[in-house]
N, C-alpha and C. Protein backbone atom coordinates (compact mmCIF):
# COMPACT_ATOMS: atom_id res chain seq x y z
N MET A 1 -5.51 -1.45 35.77
CA MET A 1 -5.49 -0.20 35.04
C MET A 1 -4.17 -0.02 34.31
N ARG A 2 -3.06 -0.28 35.01
CA ARG A 2 -1.74 -0.14 34.38
C ARG A 2 -1.56 -1.13 33.24
N ALA A 3 -2.05 -2.35 33.44
CA ALA A 3 -1.93 -3.37 32.40
C ALA A 3 -2.69 -2.96 31.15
N THR A 4 -3.86 -2.37 31.33
CA THR A 4 -4.65 -1.92 30.18
C THR A 4 -3.94 -0.78 29.46
N ALA A 5 -3.40 0.17 30.21
CA ALA A 5 -2.68 1.29 29.61
C ALA A 5 -1.44 0.80 28.87
N LEU A 6 -0.72 -0.14 29.46
CA LEU A 6 0.47 -0.70 28.81
C LEU A 6 0.10 -1.44 27.54
N ALA A 7 -0.98 -2.20 27.57
CA ALA A 7 -1.43 -2.93 26.39
C ALA A 7 -1.82 -1.96 25.28
N LEU A 8 -2.52 -0.88 25.61
CA LEU A 8 -2.89 0.12 24.61
C LEU A 8 -1.67 0.81 24.02
N LEU A 9 -0.67 1.10 24.85
CA LEU A 9 0.55 1.72 24.37
C LEU A 9 1.28 0.81 23.40
N ILE A 10 1.42 -0.45 23.75
CA ILE A 10 2.10 -1.41 22.88
C ILE A 10 1.34 -1.57 21.58
N PHE A 11 0.01 -1.66 21.64
CA PHE A 11 -0.80 -1.79 20.43
C PHE A 11 -0.63 -0.59 19.52
N SER A 12 -0.65 0.63 20.10
CA SER A 12 -0.51 1.83 19.28
C SER A 12 0.87 1.92 18.64
N LEU A 13 1.90 1.49 19.33
CA LEU A 13 3.25 1.52 18.76
C LEU A 13 3.38 0.52 17.63
N THR A 14 2.86 -0.68 17.79
CA THR A 14 2.97 -1.68 16.72
C THR A 14 2.10 -1.31 15.54
N THR A 15 0.94 -0.69 15.76
CA THR A 15 0.08 -0.27 14.67
C THR A 15 0.74 0.85 13.88
N ALA A 16 1.37 1.79 14.54
CA ALA A 16 2.05 2.88 13.83
C ALA A 16 3.20 2.35 12.99
N THR A 17 3.93 1.37 13.50
CA THR A 17 5.03 0.80 12.74
C THR A 17 4.51 0.02 11.55
N ALA A 18 3.42 -0.74 11.74
CA ALA A 18 2.88 -1.56 10.65
C ALA A 18 2.28 -0.71 9.55
N ALA A 19 1.81 0.47 9.87
CA ALA A 19 1.15 1.32 8.89
C ALA A 19 2.12 2.34 8.29
N ALA A 20 3.34 1.91 8.01
CA ALA A 20 4.32 2.82 7.41
C ALA A 20 3.80 3.32 6.06
N ALA A 21 4.11 4.55 5.75
CA ALA A 21 3.65 5.15 4.51
C ALA A 21 4.26 4.43 3.31
N GLU A 22 3.43 4.17 2.32
CA GLU A 22 3.92 3.55 1.10
C GLU A 22 4.66 4.58 0.26
N LYS A 23 5.62 4.09 -0.49
CA LYS A 23 6.35 4.92 -1.45
C LYS A 23 6.40 4.19 -2.77
N ARG A 24 6.67 4.93 -3.82
CA ARG A 24 6.81 4.28 -5.12
C ARG A 24 8.04 3.39 -5.15
N ALA A 25 7.90 2.24 -5.79
CA ALA A 25 9.06 1.37 -6.02
C ALA A 25 10.04 2.14 -6.90
N TYR A 26 11.32 1.75 -6.86
CA TYR A 26 12.34 2.50 -7.57
C TYR A 26 12.13 2.50 -9.08
N ARG A 27 11.93 1.30 -9.66
CA ARG A 27 11.78 1.27 -11.12
C ARG A 27 10.87 0.14 -11.55
N LEU A 28 10.38 0.27 -12.78
CA LEU A 28 9.58 -0.75 -13.43
C LEU A 28 10.41 -1.37 -14.54
N ASP A 29 10.42 -2.69 -14.60
CA ASP A 29 11.13 -3.38 -15.68
C ASP A 29 10.17 -3.88 -16.75
N ASN A 30 8.99 -4.33 -16.32
CA ASN A 30 8.06 -4.94 -17.24
C ASN A 30 6.64 -4.78 -16.72
N ILE A 31 5.70 -4.58 -17.64
CA ILE A 31 4.30 -4.53 -17.27
C ILE A 31 3.50 -5.28 -18.33
N THR A 32 2.54 -6.08 -17.88
CA THR A 32 1.67 -6.82 -18.78
C THR A 32 0.23 -6.51 -18.42
N ALA A 33 -0.58 -6.20 -19.41
CA ALA A 33 -1.99 -5.91 -19.21
C ALA A 33 -2.80 -6.86 -20.09
N THR A 34 -3.68 -7.63 -19.46
CA THR A 34 -4.47 -8.63 -20.17
C THR A 34 -5.94 -8.42 -19.87
N ALA A 35 -6.77 -8.43 -20.92
CA ALA A 35 -8.21 -8.30 -20.74
C ALA A 35 -8.75 -9.59 -20.12
N VAL A 36 -9.56 -9.44 -19.08
CA VAL A 36 -10.25 -10.56 -18.44
C VAL A 36 -11.72 -10.16 -18.34
N PRO A 37 -12.62 -11.12 -18.12
CA PRO A 37 -14.03 -10.74 -18.02
C PRO A 37 -14.26 -9.66 -16.94
N GLY A 38 -14.79 -8.54 -17.35
CA GLY A 38 -15.11 -7.46 -16.42
C GLY A 38 -13.98 -6.49 -16.12
N GLY A 39 -12.80 -6.68 -16.70
CA GLY A 39 -11.72 -5.75 -16.40
C GLY A 39 -10.41 -6.07 -17.09
N ILE A 40 -9.33 -5.62 -16.45
CA ILE A 40 -7.98 -5.81 -16.98
C ILE A 40 -7.08 -6.28 -15.84
N ARG A 41 -6.34 -7.34 -16.09
CA ARG A 41 -5.36 -7.84 -15.11
C ARG A 41 -4.02 -7.22 -15.46
N ILE A 42 -3.42 -6.53 -14.48
CA ILE A 42 -2.15 -5.84 -14.68
C ILE A 42 -1.10 -6.50 -13.80
N GLU A 43 0.03 -6.87 -14.40
CA GLU A 43 1.15 -7.46 -13.67
C GLU A 43 2.38 -6.61 -13.91
N ALA A 44 3.08 -6.27 -12.84
CA ALA A 44 4.28 -5.43 -12.94
C ALA A 44 5.45 -6.10 -12.25
N LYS A 45 6.63 -5.95 -12.87
CA LYS A 45 7.87 -6.42 -12.27
C LYS A 45 8.84 -5.25 -12.26
N GLY A 46 9.56 -5.11 -11.16
CA GLY A 46 10.48 -3.99 -11.04
C GLY A 46 11.48 -4.22 -9.94
N ALA A 47 11.99 -3.14 -9.38
CA ALA A 47 13.03 -3.24 -8.35
C ALA A 47 12.91 -2.12 -7.34
N VAL A 48 13.40 -2.41 -6.13
CA VAL A 48 13.56 -1.41 -5.08
C VAL A 48 15.06 -1.28 -4.81
N GLN A 49 15.47 -0.22 -4.12
CA GLN A 49 16.89 0.07 -3.97
C GLN A 49 17.56 -0.59 -2.77
N SER A 50 16.79 -1.31 -1.95
CA SER A 50 17.40 -1.97 -0.79
C SER A 50 16.50 -3.09 -0.32
N GLY A 51 16.99 -3.87 0.60
CA GLY A 51 16.18 -4.90 1.23
C GLY A 51 15.20 -4.28 2.20
N GLY A 52 14.30 -5.07 2.72
CA GLY A 52 13.37 -4.60 3.73
C GLY A 52 12.06 -4.05 3.21
N TRP A 53 11.91 -3.88 1.90
CA TRP A 53 10.66 -3.40 1.33
C TRP A 53 9.65 -4.54 1.36
N SER A 54 8.39 -4.21 1.56
CA SER A 54 7.36 -5.25 1.61
C SER A 54 6.05 -4.74 1.03
N HIS A 55 5.13 -5.66 0.84
CA HIS A 55 3.76 -5.36 0.41
C HIS A 55 3.70 -4.54 -0.88
N ALA A 56 4.43 -4.97 -1.90
CA ALA A 56 4.36 -4.29 -3.19
C ALA A 56 2.96 -4.44 -3.76
N ARG A 57 2.45 -3.37 -4.35
CA ARG A 57 1.12 -3.42 -4.94
C ARG A 57 0.97 -2.37 -6.03
N LEU A 58 -0.06 -2.53 -6.82
CA LEU A 58 -0.40 -1.56 -7.85
C LEU A 58 -1.66 -0.83 -7.39
N LYS A 59 -1.58 0.48 -7.35
CA LYS A 59 -2.71 1.30 -6.90
C LYS A 59 -3.27 2.08 -8.08
N LEU A 60 -4.57 1.96 -8.30
CA LEU A 60 -5.21 2.70 -9.38
C LEU A 60 -5.08 4.19 -9.10
N SER A 61 -4.50 4.91 -10.04
CA SER A 61 -4.27 6.33 -9.87
C SER A 61 -5.35 7.15 -10.57
N GLN A 62 -5.55 6.85 -11.84
CA GLN A 62 -6.57 7.53 -12.62
C GLN A 62 -6.85 6.71 -13.86
N SER A 63 -7.93 7.03 -14.52
CA SER A 63 -8.21 6.36 -15.79
C SER A 63 -9.14 7.24 -16.60
N ASP A 64 -9.12 7.00 -17.88
CA ASP A 64 -10.07 7.66 -18.76
C ASP A 64 -10.62 6.60 -19.71
N ALA A 65 -11.23 7.01 -20.79
CA ALA A 65 -11.87 6.06 -21.69
C ALA A 65 -10.89 5.12 -22.39
N ARG A 66 -9.62 5.52 -22.50
CA ARG A 66 -8.65 4.72 -23.25
C ARG A 66 -7.46 4.21 -22.43
N THR A 67 -7.16 4.85 -21.30
CA THR A 67 -5.95 4.52 -20.55
C THR A 67 -6.24 4.37 -19.06
N VAL A 68 -5.63 3.34 -18.46
CA VAL A 68 -5.67 3.15 -17.01
C VAL A 68 -4.27 3.46 -16.49
N VAL A 69 -4.17 4.25 -15.41
CA VAL A 69 -2.89 4.60 -14.82
C VAL A 69 -2.82 4.02 -13.41
N VAL A 70 -1.71 3.32 -13.12
CA VAL A 70 -1.49 2.75 -11.79
C VAL A 70 -0.13 3.19 -11.26
N GLU A 71 0.00 3.23 -9.94
CA GLU A 71 1.28 3.51 -9.29
C GLU A 71 1.81 2.21 -8.70
N PHE A 72 3.12 1.99 -8.84
CA PHE A 72 3.79 0.80 -8.32
C PHE A 72 4.33 1.17 -6.94
N LEU A 73 3.65 0.72 -5.86
CA LEU A 73 3.96 1.12 -4.50
C LEU A 73 4.45 -0.05 -3.66
N ALA A 74 5.18 0.28 -2.60
CA ALA A 74 5.60 -0.72 -1.61
C ALA A 74 5.89 0.00 -0.30
N GLN A 75 5.93 -0.77 0.79
CA GLN A 75 6.26 -0.19 2.09
C GLN A 75 7.77 -0.27 2.29
N PRO A 76 8.43 0.86 2.54
CA PRO A 76 9.88 0.85 2.75
C PRO A 76 10.24 0.27 4.11
N PRO A 77 11.51 -0.08 4.29
CA PRO A 77 11.93 -0.59 5.60
C PRO A 77 11.83 0.49 6.67
N ALA A 78 11.71 0.07 7.91
CA ALA A 78 11.63 1.01 9.02
C ALA A 78 12.93 1.81 9.12
N ALA A 79 12.82 3.04 9.57
CA ALA A 79 14.00 3.89 9.74
C ALA A 79 14.94 3.24 10.75
N GLY A 80 16.22 3.23 10.43
CA GLY A 80 17.22 2.66 11.32
C GLY A 80 17.39 1.16 11.19
N LYS A 81 16.59 0.53 10.37
CA LYS A 81 16.69 -0.92 10.19
C LYS A 81 17.88 -1.22 9.29
N VAL A 82 18.66 -2.24 9.63
CA VAL A 82 19.81 -2.64 8.82
C VAL A 82 19.30 -3.48 7.66
N VAL A 83 19.60 -3.05 6.43
CA VAL A 83 19.14 -3.75 5.23
C VAL A 83 20.29 -3.87 4.24
N ILE A 84 20.15 -4.81 3.33
CA ILE A 84 21.13 -4.96 2.26
C ILE A 84 20.91 -3.84 1.25
N MET A 85 21.98 -3.27 0.75
CA MET A 85 21.88 -2.21 -0.25
C MET A 85 22.10 -2.81 -1.63
N GLY A 86 21.21 -2.54 -2.54
CA GLY A 86 21.29 -3.06 -3.90
C GLY A 86 19.89 -3.17 -4.47
N LEU A 87 19.84 -3.30 -5.79
CA LEU A 87 18.54 -3.44 -6.44
C LEU A 87 18.00 -4.84 -6.21
N LEU A 88 16.81 -4.93 -5.67
CA LEU A 88 16.17 -6.21 -5.39
C LEU A 88 14.82 -6.26 -6.11
N PRO A 89 14.48 -7.41 -6.67
CA PRO A 89 13.24 -7.51 -7.46
C PRO A 89 11.99 -7.50 -6.59
N VAL A 90 10.93 -6.88 -7.12
CA VAL A 90 9.60 -6.91 -6.52
C VAL A 90 8.59 -7.05 -7.65
N ASN A 91 7.44 -7.60 -7.34
CA ASN A 91 6.39 -7.68 -8.34
C ASN A 91 5.04 -7.54 -7.68
N ALA A 92 4.05 -7.20 -8.49
CA ALA A 92 2.69 -7.01 -7.98
C ALA A 92 1.71 -7.22 -9.12
N GLN A 93 0.48 -7.53 -8.76
CA GLN A 93 -0.57 -7.65 -9.75
C GLN A 93 -1.89 -7.19 -9.17
N VAL A 94 -2.76 -6.75 -10.05
CA VAL A 94 -4.08 -6.28 -9.65
C VAL A 94 -5.02 -6.45 -10.84
N THR A 95 -6.29 -6.68 -10.56
CA THR A 95 -7.31 -6.68 -11.60
C THR A 95 -8.22 -5.48 -11.34
N VAL A 96 -8.36 -4.63 -12.36
CA VAL A 96 -9.19 -3.43 -12.23
C VAL A 96 -10.37 -3.51 -13.18
N ARG A 97 -11.45 -2.89 -12.78
CA ARG A 97 -12.60 -2.82 -13.67
C ARG A 97 -12.30 -1.80 -14.76
N ALA A 98 -12.61 -2.16 -15.97
CA ALA A 98 -12.39 -1.24 -17.08
C ALA A 98 -13.30 -1.63 -18.23
N GLY A 99 -13.71 -0.65 -19.00
CA GLY A 99 -14.57 -0.89 -20.15
C GLY A 99 -13.79 -1.45 -21.33
N HIS A 100 -14.52 -1.82 -22.37
CA HIS A 100 -13.88 -2.38 -23.56
C HIS A 100 -13.07 -1.36 -24.34
N GLY A 101 -13.28 -0.07 -24.08
CA GLY A 101 -12.56 0.97 -24.79
C GLY A 101 -11.14 1.19 -24.31
N VAL A 102 -10.77 0.61 -23.17
CA VAL A 102 -9.42 0.81 -22.64
C VAL A 102 -8.44 0.01 -23.48
N THR A 103 -7.44 0.71 -24.01
CA THR A 103 -6.47 0.06 -24.89
C THR A 103 -5.06 0.03 -24.32
N SER A 104 -4.78 0.81 -23.27
CA SER A 104 -3.42 0.82 -22.72
C SER A 104 -3.44 1.03 -21.21
N VAL A 105 -2.33 0.62 -20.60
CA VAL A 105 -2.11 0.78 -19.17
C VAL A 105 -0.76 1.45 -18.98
N ARG A 106 -0.72 2.47 -18.14
CA ARG A 106 0.53 3.15 -17.83
C ARG A 106 0.81 2.96 -16.34
N ALA A 107 2.00 2.47 -16.02
CA ALA A 107 2.41 2.27 -14.64
C ALA A 107 3.53 3.25 -14.31
N ILE A 108 3.49 3.79 -13.09
CA ILE A 108 4.45 4.81 -12.68
C ILE A 108 5.25 4.30 -11.49
N ALA A 109 6.57 4.37 -11.60
CA ALA A 109 7.48 4.09 -10.50
C ALA A 109 8.24 5.37 -10.19
N ASP A 110 9.21 5.31 -9.29
CA ASP A 110 9.96 6.51 -8.92
C ASP A 110 10.86 6.98 -10.05
N ALA A 111 11.55 6.07 -10.72
CA ALA A 111 12.54 6.45 -11.72
C ALA A 111 12.03 6.42 -13.15
N ASN A 112 10.91 5.73 -13.40
CA ASN A 112 10.43 5.62 -14.77
C ASN A 112 8.94 5.32 -14.83
N GLU A 113 8.43 5.32 -16.05
CA GLU A 113 7.06 4.93 -16.34
C GLU A 113 7.09 3.94 -17.49
N VAL A 114 6.15 3.01 -17.50
CA VAL A 114 6.08 2.03 -18.58
C VAL A 114 4.62 1.97 -19.04
N THR A 115 4.43 1.95 -20.35
CA THR A 115 3.10 1.83 -20.93
C THR A 115 3.01 0.53 -21.71
N ALA A 116 1.87 -0.16 -21.57
CA ALA A 116 1.67 -1.42 -22.27
C ALA A 116 0.29 -1.41 -22.92
N GLN A 117 0.20 -2.06 -24.06
CA GLN A 117 -1.09 -2.25 -24.72
C GLN A 117 -1.83 -3.40 -24.06
N VAL A 118 -3.14 -3.30 -23.98
CA VAL A 118 -3.95 -4.36 -23.38
C VAL A 118 -4.04 -5.51 -24.36
N LEU A 119 -3.64 -6.71 -23.91
CA LEU A 119 -3.72 -7.91 -24.73
C LEU A 119 -5.14 -8.45 -24.68
N ARG A 120 -5.72 -8.70 -25.84
CA ARG A 120 -7.10 -9.22 -25.90
C ARG A 120 -7.12 -10.59 -26.52
């Protein structure tokens, strides 16, 4: 019984740590949007303000007939973790479904936004 309770406690602690809330990356440096069959491939390059960030990704935020909006997210380091301070590069890519009428992609980071035309 104790072993089971201890195992559940350890599992819940590691799961809570692994599921840290995502935050926007600090900035976007470059975004490329390319039409592919059935959608648009979006690639973003940017930076975070310290080491320890992981799992950078682009999350679809909203879209309309002409524009797709994505957020540039990553998981920050755990509180109290010793990390290097400085701007460090991160990148992410995603392919989203979009119609032929979509002409631009806007990506949002913490410090800026970047808009790119869809390359066809």
